[in-house]
Amino acid sequence: MTAQTDTAGSVTTVYQVSGMSCGHCEGSVGSEISEIPGVSSVKAVASTGEVTVVSESALDPAAVRAAVDEAGFELVDPA
């Protein structure tokens, strides 16, 4: 996780994911993360490796890691 912002009724978190190189990769990561309960939107950008997730509340990091792993990529731990 690189950044988290709380706003009224939602939390926006930016994760860093390694290995994404195309639109299909973005879709795979987005699809898996969107299945986590409470997620309302996901935007993955292959060129930067950033995945922005808007959810009802803070997500369990293990659930996000499992979703990224399931898509075939790696969640990068914050420095």
Foldseek 3Di string as FASTA:
>chain_A
DADWDDDVQKIKDKWAWPDQDDPVLQVQLFVLVCPPPFWDGWGADRVRRIIITMGRDDDDPVSSQVSNVVSPIGTDDDD
